[in-house]
């Protein structure tokens, strides 16, 4: 009875396949949406220049469209890391990745902490990209607002500096 229960319990780990599959489907969907956004932004830029127009917020809209797409691509990367990590942790190592050293370092997940660290770093980058997208559309009406702008960029830079130090042991 115990052996049958343990076998069933061990086999239940294959439920993770649903999260892996739909995580990849979500990543593909995000990559498609982001690519359409880049296409639309490029089309807007080409149309604007072809008609010799220069709308009031043209640069902000162009940069905002591209940054928004980068944001979606990064979230898609989170979904891929999530799917690969769950698969490697609960199901099996990915044999195809073993031959490629570079991919193996990026996508190899050996613990939940490693998965959490990789996903959290990409999520921080998503937040940074979102921050810069919003900052690009903000109007500043005084010296104090410009000071806040400078301080916020400094805070983001310091945060990214320390994020880059996480997980690197100095021997």
Protein backbone atom coordinates (compact mmCIF):
# COMPACT_ATOMS: atom_id res chain seq x y z
CA UNK A 1 0.00 0.00 0.00
CA UNK A 2 2.81 2.40 0.97
CA UNK A 3 4.75 1.64 -2.21
CA UNK A 4 1.67 2.23 -4.37
CA UNK A 5 0.97 5.54 -2.61
CA UNK A 6 4.57 6.69 -3.02
CA UNK A 7 4.55 5.73 -6.69
CA UNK A 8 1.35 7.71 -7.22
CA UNK A 9 2.76 10.64 -5.28
CA UNK A 10 5.95 10.61 -7.35
CA UNK A 11 3.96 10.39 -10.60
CA UNK A 12 1.86 13.39 -9.57
CA UNK A 13 4.85 15.62 -10.35
CA UNK A 14 3.86 15.32 -14.02
CA UNK A 15 1.01 17.77 -13.32
CA UNK A 16 3.74 20.39 -13.67
CA UNK A 17 3.65 19.69 -17.42
CA UNK A 18 0.50 21.84 -17.59
CA UNK A 19 2.38 24.84 -16.16
CA UNK A 20 5.30 24.18 -18.52
CA UNK A 21 3.12 23.95 -21.62
CA UNK A 22 0.93 26.94 -20.82
CA UNK A 23 3.94 28.95 -19.68
CA UNK A 24 5.46 28.40 -23.13
CA UNK A 25 2.14 29.23 -24.80
CA UNK A 26 2.06 32.46 -22.78
CA UNK A 27 5.63 33.26 -23.82
CA UNK A 28 4.82 32.72 -27.51
CA UNK A 29 1.71 34.89 -27.16
CA UNK A 30 3.73 37.68 -25.53
CA UNK A 31 6.42 37.49 -28.23
CA UNK A 32 3.74 37.75 -30.93
CA UNK A 33 2.03 40.72 -29.25
CA UNK A 34 5.39 42.47 -28.72
CA UNK A 35 6.40 41.85 -32.33
CA UNK A 36 3.09 43.30 -33.57
CA UNK A 37 3.71 46.35 -31.34
CA UNK A 38 7.18 46.84 -32.86
CA UNK A 39 5.70 46.44 -36.35
CA UNK A 40 2.97 49.00 -35.59
CA UNK A 41 5.51 51.44 -34.16
CA UNK A 42 7.80 51.02 -37.18
CA UNK A 43 4.83 51.53 -39.51
CA UNK A 44 3.87 54.71 -37.60
CA UNK A 45 7.44 56.02 -37.87
CA UNK A 46 7.71 55.26 -41.59
CA UNK A 47 4.30 56.78 -42.33
CA UNK A 48 5.12 59.89 -40.34
CA UNK A 49 8.42 60.45 -42.15
CA UNK A 50 6.97 59.56 -45.55
CA UNK A 51 4.29 62.23 -45.11
CA UNK A 52 6.84 64.74 -43.75
CA UNK A 53 4.88 65.05 -40.52
CA UNK A 54 6.19 65.63 -37.05
CA UNK A 55 3.43 65.18 -34.44
CA UNK A 56 3.83 66.85 -31.05
CA UNK A 57 4.75 63.71 -29.06
CA UNK A 58 6.28 61.76 -31.94
CA UNK A 59 9.55 60.80 -30.22
CA UNK A 60 7.84 59.84 -26.97
CA UNK A 61 5.31 57.69 -28.84
CA UNK A 62 8.00 55.99 -30.91
CA UNK A 63 10.25 55.27 -27.95
CA UNK A 64 7.27 54.31 -25.79
CA UNK A 65 6.09 51.79 -28.40
CA UNK A 66 9.51 50.14 -28.59
CA UNK A 67 10.01 50.14 -24.82
CA UNK A 68 6.55 48.67 -24.34
CA UNK A 69 7.50 45.85 -26.71
CA UNK A 70 10.77 45.26 -24.84
CA UNK A 71 8.70 45.03 -21.67
CA UNK A 72 6.51 42.32 -23.22
CA UNK A 73 9.56 40.45 -24.54
CA UNK A 74 11.07 40.46 -21.04
CA UNK A 75 7.86 39.10 -19.54
CA UNK A 76 7.95 36.40 -22.24
CA UNK A 77 11.49 35.57 -21.13
CA UNK A 78 10.19 35.22 -17.55
CA UNK A 79 7.64 32.72 -18.82
CA UNK A 80 10.32 30.76 -20.68
CA UNK A 81 12.59 30.68 -17.62
CA UNK A 82 9.63 29.61 -15.51
CA UNK A 83 8.74 26.78 -17.93
CA UNK A 84 12.31 25.53 -18.33
CA UNK A 85 12.93 25.74 -14.59
CA UNK A 86 9.80 23.83 -13.64
CA UNK A 87 10.53 21.17 -16.23
CA UNK A 88 14.10 20.68 -15.07
CA UNK A 89 13.18 20.70 -11.38
CA UNK A 90 10.19 18.37 -11.51
CA UNK A 91 10.41 16.28 -14.67
CA UNK A 92 13.87 15.85 -16.18
CA UNK A 93 16.98 17.63 -17.39
CA UNK A 94 16.66 18.95 -20.92
CA UNK A 95 19.00 16.75 -22.92
CA UNK A 96 19.14 19.10 -25.93
CA UNK A 97 20.55 21.90 -23.74
CA UNK A 98 23.45 19.80 -22.46
CA UNK A 99 25.41 20.10 -25.70
CA UNK A 100 25.31 23.89 -25.74
CA UNK A 101 27.37 25.39 -22.91
CA UNK A 102 25.97 28.93 -23.26
CA UNK A 103 22.31 27.82 -23.20
CA UNK A 104 23.05 25.43 -20.36
CA UNK A 105 24.27 28.30 -18.17
CA UNK A 106 21.32 30.55 -18.97
CA UNK A 107 18.49 28.04 -18.79
CA UNK A 108 19.83 25.39 -16.41
CA UNK A 109 17.92 25.45 -13.14
CA UNK A 110 19.03 23.20 -10.30
CA UNK A 111 17.00 24.55 -7.39
CA UNK A 112 13.92 26.60 -6.61
CA UNK A 113 16.21 29.36 -5.32
CA UNK A 114 18.01 29.50 -8.67
CA UNK A 115 14.68 29.68 -10.50
CA UNK A 116 13.47 32.41 -8.15
CA UNK A 117 16.69 34.41 -8.58
CA UNK A 118 16.60 34.25 -12.38
CA UNK A 119 12.93 35.14 -12.57
CA UNK A 120 13.24 37.95 -10.02
CA UNK A 121 16.13 39.54 -11.95
CA UNK A 122 14.09 39.57 -15.14
CA UNK A 123 11.06 40.93 -13.27
CA UNK A 124 13.23 43.76 -11.92
CA UNK A 125 14.27 44.53 -15.49
CA UNK A 126 10.61 44.56 -16.53
CA UNK A 127 9.92 47.08 -13.76
CA UNK A 128 12.90 49.22 -14.82
CA UNK A 129 11.73 49.22 -18.44
CA UNK A 130 8.21 50.14 -17.31
CA UNK A 131 9.64 52.92 -15.17
CA UNK A 132 11.55 54.42 -18.09
CA UNK A 133 8.50 54.11 -20.33
CA UNK A 134 6.44 56.13 -17.85
CA UNK A 135 9.24 58.64 -17.25
CA UNK A 136 9.44 59.26 -20.99
CA UNK A 137 5.80 60.42 -21.07
CA UNK A 138 6.00 62.62 -17.97
CA UNK A 139 6.10 66.39 -18.18
CA UNK A 140 8.30 68.24 -15.69
CA UNK A 141 7.16 71.66 -14.51
CA UNK A 142 9.85 72.75 -12.13
CA UNK A 143 13.25 72.24 -10.58
CA UNK A 144 11.90 70.04 -7.77
CA UNK A 145 10.30 67.64 -10.26
CA UNK A 146 13.57 67.48 -12.21
CA UNK A 147 15.39 66.73 -8.96
CA UNK A 148 12.96 63.87 -8.26
CA UNK A 149 13.56 62.65 -11.81
CA UNK A 150 17.33 62.65 -11.31
CA UNK A 151 17.03 60.97 -7.90
CA UNK A 152 14.75 58.26 -9.28
CA UNK A 153 17.17 57.48 -12.10
CA UNK A 154 20.03 57.37 -9.58
CA UNK A 155 18.03 54.99 -7.37
CA UNK A 156 17.34 52.71 -10.34
CA UNK A 157 21.03 52.75 -11.33
CA UNK A 158 22.16 51.91 -7.79
CA UNK A 159 19.57 49.16 -7.58
CA UNK A 160 20.74 47.65 -10.87
CA UNK A 161 24.35 47.86 -9.71
CA UNK A 162 23.57 45.84 -6.59
CA UNK A 163 21.33 43.45 -8.52
CA UNK A 164 24.34 42.71 -10.73
CA UNK A 165 26.37 41.87 -7.63
CA UNK A 166 23.82 39.30 -6.35
CA UNK A 167 25.00 35.75 -6.83
CA UNK A 168 28.57 36.67 -7.79
CA UNK A 169 31.06 35.38 -5.25
CA UNK A 170 34.40 37.12 -5.15
CA UNK A 171 37.09 34.51 -4.63
